[in-house]
């Protein structure tokens, strides 16, 4: 589990002093009948930011999507989700899926595929992404047979070429991590190699916060080292022993992470749970937690 920075006593005293001062000023304005611009700024400084829209990776509800995609999307919309990230089309055409998304007020921001799928049907993937209204096409998996040191160097070049092709179609390529990218190969952390060798304009990153943390990576350290490289995150949680749980029921400090959203460049937050016991109920638990979270 990543150890997030905790302020020392002097830092805490400074923070509390400023926070109490800001609170007092804001309260004084409220009592006199109205919120000034300064009071609103003080409230924000106290951590009153919230997510204005929450997305979900449809892999979370994949079995329901396979049975009845339209009803599942309707249920997600009723919970409050407004963005989705696709993981296949569940037997529908891209046009049919777009019609369902539009009908339920959902935007298909992004879509996952694996590297082999990109090699096999890249032109079709781009056409489908355009039909769906996607902004991002995400490489979500590298074959196990291609994870040696030289493989990652070659794949970085391949991703740059795919990213250039995606940009020519008005799309952005991104890369989604699991845990294997953080296991050193020939003394090098593959995730660091990808960040260093991929052109940031051609290949952006979707940080899976749970897999990164479980592998020993620190999201805050990556945000600081590579600002603006992470337009999307997978919001998923885990217990101390690494078991995946609903968001808010584990140990990952989402408040600390989201407080650095501007530095990271995060614009889209996708809930994900790989094996939820009750997919729609779990999707609601995650949404309700994130909806009330301030940072």
C-alpha atoms as a PDB file:
ATOM      1  CA  UNK A   1       0.000   0.000   0.000  1.00  0.00           C
ATOM      2  CA  UNK A   2       1.313   3.432  -0.903  1.00  0.00           C
ATOM      3  CA  UNK A   3       2.210   5.642   2.069  1.00  0.00           C
ATOM      4  CA  UNK A   4       0.686   9.005   1.347  1.00  0.00           C
ATOM      5  CA  UNK A   5       2.388  12.072   2.766  1.00  0.00           C
ATOM      6  CA  UNK A   6       1.163  13.153   6.175  1.00  0.00           C
ATOM      7  CA  UNK A   7       2.031  16.695   7.310  1.00  0.00           C
ATOM      8  CA  UNK A   8       4.240  17.186  10.350  1.00  0.00           C
ATOM      9  CA  UNK A   9       3.133  19.120  13.448  1.00  0.00           C
ATOM     10  CA  UNK A  10       4.240  22.513  12.147  1.00  0.00           C
ATOM     11  CA  UNK A  11       2.458  21.953   8.860  1.00  0.00           C
ATOM     12  CA  UNK A  12      -0.691  20.867  10.658  1.00  0.00           C
ATOM     13  CA  UNK A  13      -0.638  23.936  12.894  1.00  0.00           C
ATOM     14  CA  UNK A  14      -0.239  26.194   9.877  1.00  0.00           C
ATOM     15  CA  UNK A  15      -3.035  24.434   8.039  1.00  0.00           C
ATOM     16  CA  UNK A  16      -5.408  24.565  11.010  1.00  0.00           C
ATOM     17  CA  UNK A  17      -4.684  28.228  11.597  1.00  0.00           C
ATOM     18  CA  UNK A  18      -5.423  29.098   7.989  1.00  0.00           C
ATOM     19  CA  UNK A  19      -8.455  26.833   7.865  1.00  0.00           C
ATOM     20  CA  UNK A  20      -9.992  28.328  11.012  1.00  0.00           C
ATOM     21  CA  UNK A  21      -9.327  31.814   9.758  1.00  0.00           C
ATOM     22  CA  UNK A  22     -10.945  31.029   6.426  1.00  0.00           C
ATOM     23  CA  UNK A  23     -13.907  29.411   8.161  1.00  0.00           C
ATOM     24  CA  UNK A  24     -14.389  32.414  10.401  1.00  0.00           C
ATOM     25  CA  UNK A  25     -14.305  34.792   7.480  1.00  0.00           C
ATOM     26  CA  UNK A  26     -16.757  32.690   5.525  1.00  0.00           C
ATOM     27  CA  UNK A  27     -19.119  32.419   8.496  1.00  0.00           C
ATOM     28  CA  UNK A  28     -19.005  36.174   9.039  1.00  0.00           C
ATOM     29  CA  UNK A  29     -20.024  36.808   5.452  1.00  0.00           C
ATOM     30  CA  UNK A  30     -22.813  34.238   5.677  1.00  0.00           C
ATOM     31  CA  UNK A  31     -24.233  35.890   8.824  1.00  0.00           C
ATOM     32  CA  UNK A  32     -24.381  39.273   7.130  1.00  0.00           C
ATOM     33  CA  UNK A  33     -26.455  37.810   4.316  1.00  0.00           C
ATOM     34  CA  UNK A  34     -24.590  36.436   1.350  1.00  0.00           C
ATOM     35  CA  UNK A  35     -21.419  34.813   0.130  1.00  0.00           C
ATOM     36  CA  UNK A  36     -18.701  37.037  -1.266  1.00  0.00           C
ATOM     37  CA  UNK A  37     -16.162  35.876  -3.811  1.00  0.00           C
ATOM     38  CA  UNK A  38     -13.591  35.666  -1.008  1.00  0.00           C
ATOM     39  CA  UNK A  39     -15.885  33.495   1.093  1.00  0.00           C
ATOM     40  CA  UNK A  40     -16.446  31.111  -1.803  1.00  0.00           C
ATOM     41  CA  UNK A  41     -12.711  30.882  -2.324  1.00  0.00           C
ATOM     42  CA  UNK A  42     -12.232  30.173   1.375  1.00  0.00           C
ATOM     43  CA  UNK A  43     -14.783  27.379   1.200  1.00  0.00           C
ATOM     44  CA  UNK A  44     -12.951  25.833  -1.739  1.00  0.00           C
ATOM     45  CA  UNK A  45      -9.699  26.106   0.189  1.00  0.00           C
ATOM     46  CA  UNK A  46     -11.260  24.023   2.957  1.00  0.00           C
ATOM     47  CA  UNK A  47     -11.821  21.134   0.560  1.00  0.00           C
ATOM     48  CA  UNK A  48     -15.315  21.710  -0.815  1.00  0.00           C
ATOM     49  CA  UNK A  49     -14.581  20.521  -4.339  1.00  0.00           C
ATOM     50  CA  UNK A  50     -16.624  17.599  -5.595  1.00  0.00           C
ATOM     51  CA  UNK A  51     -16.670  15.563  -8.791  1.00  0.00           C
ATOM     52  CA  UNK A  52     -19.099  17.209 -11.196  1.00  0.00           C
ATOM     53  CA  UNK A  53     -19.587  13.998 -13.189  1.00  0.00           C
ATOM     54  CA  UNK A  54     -18.766  10.376 -12.481  1.00  0.00           C
ATOM     55  CA  UNK A  55     -18.180   7.627 -15.024  1.00  0.00           C
ATOM     56  CA  UNK A  56     -18.051   3.846 -14.922  1.00  0.00           C
ATOM     57  CA  UNK A  57     -16.057   1.260 -16.838  1.00  0.00           C
ATOM     58  CA  UNK A  58     -18.685  -1.101 -18.283  1.00  0.00           C
ATOM     59  CA  UNK A  59     -16.482  -4.112 -17.517  1.00  0.00           C
ATOM     60  CA  UNK A  60     -17.950  -3.732 -14.015  1.00  0.00           C
ATOM     61  CA  UNK A  61     -21.398  -4.693 -15.343  1.00  0.00           C
ATOM     62  CA  UNK A  62     -20.264  -6.811 -18.293  1.00  0.00           C
ATOM     63  CA  UNK A  63     -22.464  -9.823 -17.495  1.00  0.00           C
ATOM     64  CA  UNK A  64     -25.534  -7.589 -17.307  1.00  0.00           C
ATOM     65  CA  UNK A  65     -24.522  -5.844 -20.535  1.00  0.00           C
ATOM     66  CA  UNK A  66     -24.311  -9.218 -22.259  1.00  0.00           C
ATOM     67  CA  UNK A  67     -27.883 -10.045 -21.194  1.00  0.00           C
ATOM     68  CA  UNK A  68     -29.562  -6.667 -21.720  1.00  0.00           C
ATOM     69  CA  UNK A  69     -27.350  -3.717 -22.610  1.00  0.00           C
ATOM     70  CA  UNK A  70     -30.179  -1.213 -22.913  1.00  0.00           C
ATOM     71  CA  UNK A  71     -31.681  -1.987 -19.494  1.00  0.00           C
ATOM     72  CA  UNK A  72     -28.233  -1.956 -17.864  1.00  0.00           C
ATOM     73  CA  UNK A  73     -27.380   1.440 -19.310  1.00  0.00           C
ATOM     74  CA  UNK A  74     -30.762   2.738 -18.152  1.00  0.00           C
ATOM     75  CA  UNK A  75     -30.003   1.551 -14.624  1.00  0.00           C
ATOM     76  CA  UNK A  76     -26.564   3.178 -14.586  1.00  0.00           C
ATOM     77  CA  UNK A  77     -28.072   6.444 -15.772  1.00  0.00           C
ATOM     78  CA  UNK A  78     -30.719   6.239 -13.039  1.00  0.00           C
ATOM     79  CA  UNK A  79     -27.975   5.856 -10.424  1.00  0.00           C
ATOM     80  CA  UNK A  80     -26.432   9.091 -11.678  1.00  0.00           C
ATOM     81  CA  UNK A  81     -23.588   8.057 -13.957  1.00  0.00           C
ATOM     82  CA  UNK A  82     -23.097  10.328 -16.944  1.00  0.00           C
ATOM     83  CA  UNK A  83     -19.992   8.878 -18.608  1.00  0.00           C
ATOM     84  CA  UNK A  84     -19.016   5.343 -19.503  1.00  0.00           C
ATOM     85  CA  UNK A  85     -15.912   3.628 -20.743  1.00  0.00           C
ATOM     86  CA  UNK A  86     -16.661   0.725 -23.038  1.00  0.00           C
ATOM     87  CA  UNK A  87     -15.025  -2.686 -23.045  1.00  0.00           C
ATOM     88  CA  UNK A  88     -16.488  -4.141 -26.229  1.00  0.00           C
ATOM     89  CA  UNK A  89     -19.920  -3.757 -27.814  1.00  0.00           C
ATOM     90  CA  UNK A  90     -21.681  -6.808 -26.321  1.00  0.00           C
ATOM     91  CA  UNK A  91     -23.014  -8.062 -29.626  1.00  0.00           C
ATOM     92  CA  UNK A  92     -24.237  -4.684 -30.871  1.00  0.00           C
ATOM     93  CA  UNK A  93     -22.989  -2.467 -33.657  1.00  0.00           C
ATOM     94  CA  UNK A  94     -21.309   0.809 -32.756  1.00  0.00           C
ATOM     95  CA  UNK A  95     -24.348   2.658 -34.109  1.00  0.00           C
ATOM     96  CA  UNK A  96     -26.733   0.631 -31.954  1.00  0.00           C
ATOM     97  CA  UNK A  97     -24.602   1.204 -28.875  1.00  0.00           C
ATOM     98  CA  UNK A  98     -24.442   4.936 -29.575  1.00  0.00           C
ATOM     99  CA  UNK A  99     -28.237   5.071 -29.823  1.00  0.00           C
ATOM    100  CA  UNK A 100     -28.576   3.360 -26.446  1.00  0.00           C
ATOM    101  CA  UNK A 101     -26.047   5.680 -24.820  1.00  0.00           C
ATOM    102  CA  UNK A 102     -27.787   8.747 -26.221  1.00  0.00           C
ATOM    103  CA  UNK A 103     -31.196   7.481 -25.150  1.00  0.00           C
ATOM    104  CA  UNK A 104     -30.061   7.222 -21.548  1.00  0.00           C
ATOM    105  CA  UNK A 105     -28.042  10.425 -21.375  1.00  0.00           C
ATOM    106  CA  UNK A 106     -24.672   8.693 -21.263  1.00  0.00           C
ATOM    107  CA  UNK A 107     -21.504   9.708 -23.046  1.00  0.00           C
ATOM    108  CA  UNK A 108     -19.100   7.028 -24.250  1.00  0.00           C
ATOM    109  CA  UNK A 109     -15.893   8.915 -23.531  1.00  0.00           C
ATOM    110  CA  UNK A 110     -13.444   6.071 -23.954  1.00  0.00           C
ATOM    111  CA  UNK A 111     -13.074   2.451 -25.017  1.00  0.00           C
ATOM    112  CA  UNK A 112     -10.731  -0.385 -24.052  1.00  0.00           C
ATOM    113  CA  UNK A 113      -9.061  -2.910 -26.281  1.00  0.00           C
ATOM    114  CA  UNK A 114      -5.849  -4.907 -26.076  1.00  0.00           C
ATOM    115  CA  UNK A 115      -2.703  -4.524 -28.141  1.00  0.00           C
ATOM    116  CA  UNK A 116      -3.451  -7.584 -30.265  1.00  0.00           C
ATOM    117  CA  UNK A 117      -6.913  -6.240 -31.013  1.00  0.00           C
ATOM    118  CA  UNK A 118      -5.388  -2.958 -32.106  1.00  0.00           C
ATOM    119  CA  UNK A 119      -3.026  -4.762 -34.446  1.00  0.00           C
ATOM    120  CA  UNK A 120      -5.803  -6.928 -35.846  1.00  0.00           C
ATOM    121  CA  UNK A 121      -8.564  -4.379 -36.461  1.00  0.00           C
ATOM    122  CA  UNK A 122      -7.211  -0.878 -35.953  1.00  0.00           C
ATOM    123  CA  UNK A 123      -9.194   0.773 -38.759  1.00  0.00           C
ATOM    124  CA  UNK A 124     -12.459  -0.728 -37.466  1.00  0.00           C
ATOM    125  CA  UNK A 125     -11.657   0.364 -33.909  1.00  0.00           C
ATOM    126  CA  UNK A 126     -11.136   3.937 -35.065  1.00  0.00           C
ATOM    127  CA  UNK A 127     -14.367   3.902 -37.080  1.00  0.00           C
ATOM    128  CA  UNK A 128     -16.324   2.505 -34.124  1.00  0.00           C
ATOM    129  CA  UNK A 129     -14.786   5.042 -31.738  1.00  0.00           C
ATOM    130  CA  UNK A 130     -15.851   7.879 -34.025  1.00  0.00           C
ATOM    131  CA  UNK A 131     -19.387   6.500 -34.269  1.00  0.00           C
ATOM    132  CA  UNK A 132     -19.595   6.152 -30.488  1.00  0.00           C
ATOM    133  CA  UNK A 133     -18.380   9.702 -29.979  1.00  0.00           C
ATOM    134  CA  UNK A 134     -15.307   8.607 -28.050  1.00  0.00           C
ATOM    135  CA  UNK A 135     -12.426  10.912 -27.243  1.00  0.00           C
ATOM    136  CA  UNK A 136     -10.036   8.140 -26.209  1.00  0.00           C
ATOM    137  CA  UNK A 137      -8.984   4.721 -27.444  1.00  0.00           C
ATOM    138  CA  UNK A 138      -7.182   2.842 -24.678  1.00  0.00           C
ATOM    139  CA  UNK A 139      -4.640   0.042 -24.875  1.00  0.00           C
ATOM    140  CA  UNK A 140      -5.601  -1.982 -21.812  1.00  0.00           C
ATOM    141  CA  UNK A 141      -3.478  -5.128 -22.064  1.00  0.00           C
ATOM    142  CA  UNK A 142      -0.121  -6.328 -23.402  1.00  0.00           C
ATOM    143  CA  UNK A 143       0.242 -10.074 -24.097  1.00  0.00           C
ATOM    144  CA  UNK A 144       2.181 -11.948 -21.429  1.00  0.00           C
ATOM    145  CA  UNK A 145       4.588 -13.139 -24.114  1.00  0.00           C
ATOM    146  CA  UNK A 146       5.629  -9.533 -24.796  1.00  0.00           C
ATOM    147  CA  UNK A 147       6.733  -8.230 -21.416  1.00  0.00           C
ATOM    148  CA  UNK A 148      10.509  -8.415 -21.556  1.00  0.00           C
ATOM    149  CA  UNK A 149      12.631  -5.265 -21.430  1.00  0.00           C
ATOM    150  CA  UNK A 150      13.150  -5.062 -25.180  1.00  0.00           C
ATOM    151  CA  UNK A 151       9.437  -5.728 -25.703  1.00  0.00           C
ATOM    152  CA  UNK A 152       8.438  -2.625 -23.766  1.00  0.00           C
ATOM    153  CA  UNK A 153      10.889  -0.477 -25.748  1.00  0.00           C
ATOM    154  CA  UNK A 154       9.453  -1.795 -29.010  1.00  0.00           C
ATOM    155  CA  UNK A 155       5.876  -1.420 -27.767  1.00  0.00           C
ATOM    156  CA  UNK A 156       6.502   2.198 -26.782  1.00  0.00           C
ATOM    157  CA  UNK A 157       7.426   2.907 -30.394  1.00  0.00           C
ATOM    158  CA  UNK A 158       4.392   0.985 -31.609  1.00  0.00           C
ATOM    159  CA  UNK A 159       2.121   2.993 -29.302  1.00  0.00           C
ATOM    160  CA  UNK A 160       3.584   6.227 -30.640  1.00  0.00           C
ATOM    161  CA  UNK A 161       2.727   5.164 -34.180  1.00  0.00           C
ATOM    162  CA  UNK A 162      -0.783   4.129 -33.193  1.00  0.00           C
ATOM    163  CA  UNK A 163      -1.179   7.395 -31.288  1.00  0.00           C
ATOM    164  CA  UNK A 164      -0.193   9.395 -34.351  1.00  0.00           C
ATOM    165  CA  UNK A 165      -2.745   7.479 -36.413  1.00  0.00           C
ATOM    166  CA  UNK A 166      -5.427   8.060 -33.762  1.00  0.00           C
ATOM    167  CA  UNK A 167      -4.729  11.790 -33.747  1.00  0.00           C
ATOM    168  CA  UNK A 168      -5.177  11.944 -37.501  1.00  0.00           C
ATOM    169  CA  UNK A 169      -8.706  10.634 -36.860  1.00  0.00           C
ATOM    170  CA  UNK A 170      -9.429  13.151 -34.099  1.00  0.00           C
ATOM    171  CA  UNK A 171      -8.857  10.622 -31.302  1.00  0.00           C
ATOM    172  CA  UNK A 172      -6.369  10.290 -28.450  1.00  0.00           C
ATOM    173  CA  UNK A 173      -4.574   7.043 -27.608  1.00  0.00           C
ATOM    174  CA  UNK A 174      -4.055   6.226 -23.936  1.00  0.00           C
ATOM    175  CA  UNK A 175      -2.473   3.378 -21.985  1.00  0.00           C
ATOM    176  CA  UNK A 176      -4.083   1.631 -19.002  1.00  0.00           C
ATOM    177  CA  UNK A 177      -1.881  -0.072 -16.421  1.00  0.00           C
ATOM    178  CA  UNK A 178      -2.219  -3.243 -14.410  1.00  0.00           C
ATOM    179  CA  UNK A 179       0.420  -4.470 -11.926  1.00  0.00           C
ATOM    180  CA  UNK A 180       2.906  -6.072 -14.299  1.00  0.00           C
ATOM    181  CA  UNK A 181       4.194  -2.713 -15.559  1.00  0.00           C
ATOM    182  CA  UNK A 182       5.670  -2.045 -12.103  1.00  0.00           C
ATOM    183  CA  UNK A 183       7.725  -5.233 -11.815  1.00  0.00           C
ATOM    184  CA  UNK A 184      11.319  -4.339 -12.788  1.00  0.00           C
ATOM    185  CA  UNK A 185      12.620  -5.973 -15.952  1.00  0.00           C
ATOM    186  CA  UNK A 186      16.391  -5.855 -16.461  1.00  0.00           C
ATOM    187  CA  UNK A 187      16.543  -3.273 -13.680  1.00  0.00           C
ATOM    188  CA  UNK A 188      13.957  -0.980 -15.291  1.00  0.00           C
ATOM    189  CA  UNK A 189      10.343  -0.383 -14.263  1.00  0.00           C
ATOM    190  CA  UNK A 190       8.357  -0.870 -17.505  1.00  0.00           C
ATOM    191  CA  UNK A 191       5.794   1.803 -16.587  1.00  0.00           C
ATOM    192  CA  UNK A 192       8.592   4.339 -16.215  1.00  0.00           C
ATOM    193  CA  UNK A 193      10.015   3.240 -19.555  1.00  0.00           C
ATOM    194  CA  UNK A 194       6.648   3.730 -21.260  1.00  0.00           C
ATOM    195  CA  UNK A 195       6.250   7.184 -19.727  1.00  0.00           C
ATOM    196  CA  UNK A 196       9.736   8.155 -20.849  1.00  0.00           C
ATOM    197  CA  UNK A 197       9.565   6.750 -24.381  1.00  0.00           C
ATOM    198  CA  UNK A 198       5.950   7.477 -25.334  1.00  0.00           C
ATOM    199  CA  UNK A 199       5.339  10.921 -26.783  1.00  0.00           C
ATOM    200  CA  UNK A 200       2.990  12.637 -24.280  1.00  0.00           C
ATOM    201  CA  UNK A 201       1.050  14.218 -27.146  1.00  0.00           C
ATOM    202  CA  UNK A 202       0.482  10.840 -28.802  1.00  0.00           C
ATOM    203  CA  UNK A 203       0.093   8.492 -25.826  1.00  0.00           C
ATOM    204  CA  UNK A 204      -1.524   9.639 -22.609  1.00  0.00           C
ATOM    205  CA  UNK A 205      -2.062   7.499 -19.526  1.00  0.00           C
ATOM    206  CA  UNK A 206      -5.121   6.144 -17.785  1.00  0.00           C
ATOM    207  CA  UNK A 207      -3.987   5.417 -14.241  1.00  0.00           C
ATOM    208  CA  UNK A 208      -5.681   2.451 -12.615  1.00  0.00           C
ATOM    209  CA  UNK A 209      -5.273   3.679  -9.065  1.00  0.00           C
ATOM    210  CA  UNK A 210      -5.861   0.318  -7.410  1.00  0.00           C
ATOM    211  CA  UNK A 211      -3.507  -1.746  -9.585  1.00  0.00           C
ATOM    212  CA  UNK A 212      -0.847   0.961  -9.372  1.00  0.00           C
ATOM    213  CA  UNK A 213      -1.093   1.106  -5.585  1.00  0.00           C
ATOM    214  CA  UNK A 214      -1.218  -2.656  -5.183  1.00  0.00           C
ATOM    215  CA  UNK A 215       1.965  -2.959  -7.237  1.00  0.00           C
ATOM    216  CA  UNK A 216       3.766  -0.487  -4.971  1.00  0.00           C
ATOM    217  CA  UNK A 217       3.470   2.572  -7.198  1.00  0.00           C
ATOM    218  CA  UNK A 218       2.551   5.948  -5.744  1.00  0.00           C
ATOM    219  CA  UNK A 219      -0.029   7.868  -7.801  1.00  0.00           C
ATOM    220  CA  UNK A 220       0.977  11.168  -6.208  1.00  0.00           C
ATOM    221  CA  UNK A 221       4.622  10.642  -7.090  1.00  0.00           C
ATOM    222  CA  UNK A 222       3.724   9.865 -10.705  1.00  0.00           C
ATOM    223  CA  UNK A 223       1.483  12.933 -10.915  1.00  0.00           C
ATOM    224  CA  UNK A 224       4.345  15.092  -9.663  1.00  0.00           C
ATOM    225  CA  UNK A 225       6.901  13.553 -12.018  1.00  0.00           C
ATOM    226  CA  UNK A 226       4.662  13.536 -15.094  1.00  0.00           C
ATOM    227  CA  UNK A 227       2.168  16.399 -14.696  1.00  0.00           C
ATOM    228  CA  UNK A 228      -0.684  16.508 -17.151  1.00  0.00           C
ATOM    229  CA  UNK A 229      -0.135  12.957 -18.412  1.00  0.00           C
ATOM    230  CA  UNK A 230      -3.175  11.341 -16.746  1.00  0.00           C
ATOM    231  CA  UNK A 231      -6.476  12.570 -18.240  1.00  0.00           C
ATOM    232  CA  UNK A 232      -8.337   9.497 -16.948  1.00  0.00           C
ATOM    233  CA  UNK A 233      -8.259   7.333 -13.840  1.00  0.00           C
ATOM    234  CA  UNK A 234      -9.876   4.071 -12.851  1.00  0.00           C
ATOM    235  CA  UNK A 235     -11.373   4.585  -9.421  1.00  0.00           C
ATOM    236  CA  UNK A 236     -11.281   1.251  -7.635  1.00  0.00           C
ATOM    237  CA  UNK A 237     -10.443   0.357  -4.060  1.00  0.00           C
ATOM    238  CA  UNK A 238      -8.796  -2.429  -2.088  1.00  0.00           C
ATOM    239  CA  UNK A 239      -8.296  -3.698   1.443  1.00  0.00           C
ATOM    240  CA  UNK A 240      -4.869  -3.773   3.067  1.00  0.00           C
ATOM    241  CA  UNK A 241      -4.306  -7.308   1.822  1.00  0.00           C
ATOM    242  CA  UNK A 242      -5.014  -6.225  -1.779  1.00  0.00           C
ATOM    243  CA  UNK A 243      -8.577  -7.547  -2.097  1.00  0.00           C
ATOM    244  CA  UNK A 244     -10.703  -5.425  -4.449  1.00  0.00           C
ATOM    245  CA  UNK A 245     -13.725  -3.800  -2.793  1.00  0.00           C
ATOM    246  CA  UNK A 246     -16.280  -1.112  -3.555  1.00  0.00           C
ATOM    247  CA  UNK A 247     -14.901   2.411  -3.742  1.00  0.00           C
ATOM    248  CA  UNK A 248     -14.782   3.977  -0.291  1.00  0.00           C
ATOM    249  CA  UNK A 249     -14.652   0.664   1.555  1.00  0.00           C
ATOM    250  CA  UNK A 250     -10.914   0.147   1.266  1.00  0.00           C
ATOM    251  CA  UNK A 251      -7.710   1.945   2.143  1.00  0.00           C
ATOM    252  CA  UNK A 252      -6.923   4.060  -0.929  1.00  0.00           C
ATOM    253  CA  UNK A 253      -6.971   7.767  -0.071  1.00  0.00           C
ATOM    254  CA  UNK A 254      -9.072   9.151  -2.914  1.00  0.00           C
ATOM    255  CA  UNK A 255      -9.345  12.542  -1.223  1.00  0.00           C
ATOM    256  CA  UNK A 256      -5.562  12.993  -1.368  1.00  0.00           C
ATOM    257  CA  UNK A 257      -5.410  11.716  -4.939  1.00  0.00           C
ATOM    258  CA  UNK A 258      -8.259  13.845  -6.273  1.00  0.00           C
ATOM    259  CA  UNK A 259      -6.812  16.929  -4.596  1.00  0.00           C
ATOM    260  CA  UNK A 260      -4.006  16.597  -7.150  1.00  0.00           C
ATOM    261  CA  UNK A 261      -6.336  16.219 -10.144  1.00  0.00           C
ATOM    262  CA  UNK A 262      -5.274  19.493 -11.710  1.00  0.00           C
ATOM    263  CA  UNK A 263      -1.601  18.574 -11.508  1.00  0.00           C
ATOM    264  CA  UNK A 264      -2.272  15.118 -12.960  1.00  0.00           C
ATOM    265  CA  UNK A 265      -4.554  16.461 -15.681  1.00  0.00           C
ATOM    266  CA  UNK A 266      -7.485  14.231 -14.653  1.00  0.00           C
ATOM    267  CA  UNK A 267     -10.712  14.996 -16.499  1.00  0.00           C
ATOM    268  CA  UNK A 268     -12.548  11.649 -16.308  1.00  0.00           C
ATOM    269  CA  UNK A 269     -13.117   9.360 -13.317  1.00  0.00           C
ATOM    270  CA  UNK A 270     -14.299   5.815 -14.098  1.00  0.00           C
ATOM    271  CA  UNK A 271     -15.508   3.548 -11.304  1.00  0.00           C
ATOM    272  CA  UNK A 272     -14.458  -0.059 -11.777  1.00  0.00           C
ATOM    273  CA  UNK A 273     -14.843  -3.304  -9.858  1.00  0.00           C
ATOM    274  CA  UNK A 274     -13.647  -6.440 -11.631  1.00  0.00           C
ATOM    275  CA  UNK A 275     -15.786  -8.963  -9.718  1.00  0.00           C
ATOM    276  CA  UNK A 276     -18.612  -7.132  -7.925  1.00  0.00           C
ATOM    277  CA  UNK A 277     -20.943  -9.431  -5.955  1.00  0.00           C
ATOM    278  CA  UNK A 278     -24.006  -7.434  -7.100  1.00  0.00           C
ATOM    279  CA  UNK A 279     -22.935  -5.239 -10.034  1.00  0.00           C
ATOM    280  CA  UNK A 280     -25.662  -2.584  -9.967  1.00  0.00           C
ATOM    281  CA  UNK A 281     -25.788  -2.422  -6.182  1.00  0.00           C
ATOM    282  CA  UNK A 282     -22.008  -2.107  -6.060  1.00  0.00           C
ATOM    283  CA  UNK A 283     -22.094   0.537  -8.787  1.00  0.00           C
ATOM    284  CA  UNK A 284     -24.515   2.528  -6.615  1.00  0.00           C
ATOM    285  CA  UNK A 285     -22.331   2.197  -3.500  1.00  0.00           C
ATOM    286  CA  UNK A 286     -19.326   3.506  -5.443  1.00  0.00           C
ATOM    287  CA  UNK A 287     -21.314   6.349  -6.974  1.00  0.00           C
ATOM    288  CA  UNK A 288     -22.819   7.425  -3.656  1.00  0.00           C
ATOM    289  CA  UNK A 289     -19.393   7.522  -2.016  1.00  0.00           C
ATOM    290  CA  UNK A 290     -17.835   9.587  -4.801  1.00  0.00           C
ATOM    291  CA  UNK A 291     -20.815  11.908  -5.036  1.00  0.00           C
ATOM    292  CA  UNK A 292     -20.384  13.056  -1.448  1.00  0.00           C
ATOM    293  CA  UNK A 293     -16.580  13.060  -1.391  1.00  0.00           C
ATOM    294  CA  UNK A 294     -14.970  16.473  -0.953  1.00  0.00           C
ATOM    295  CA  UNK A 295     -11.326  17.175  -1.658  1.00  0.00           C
END
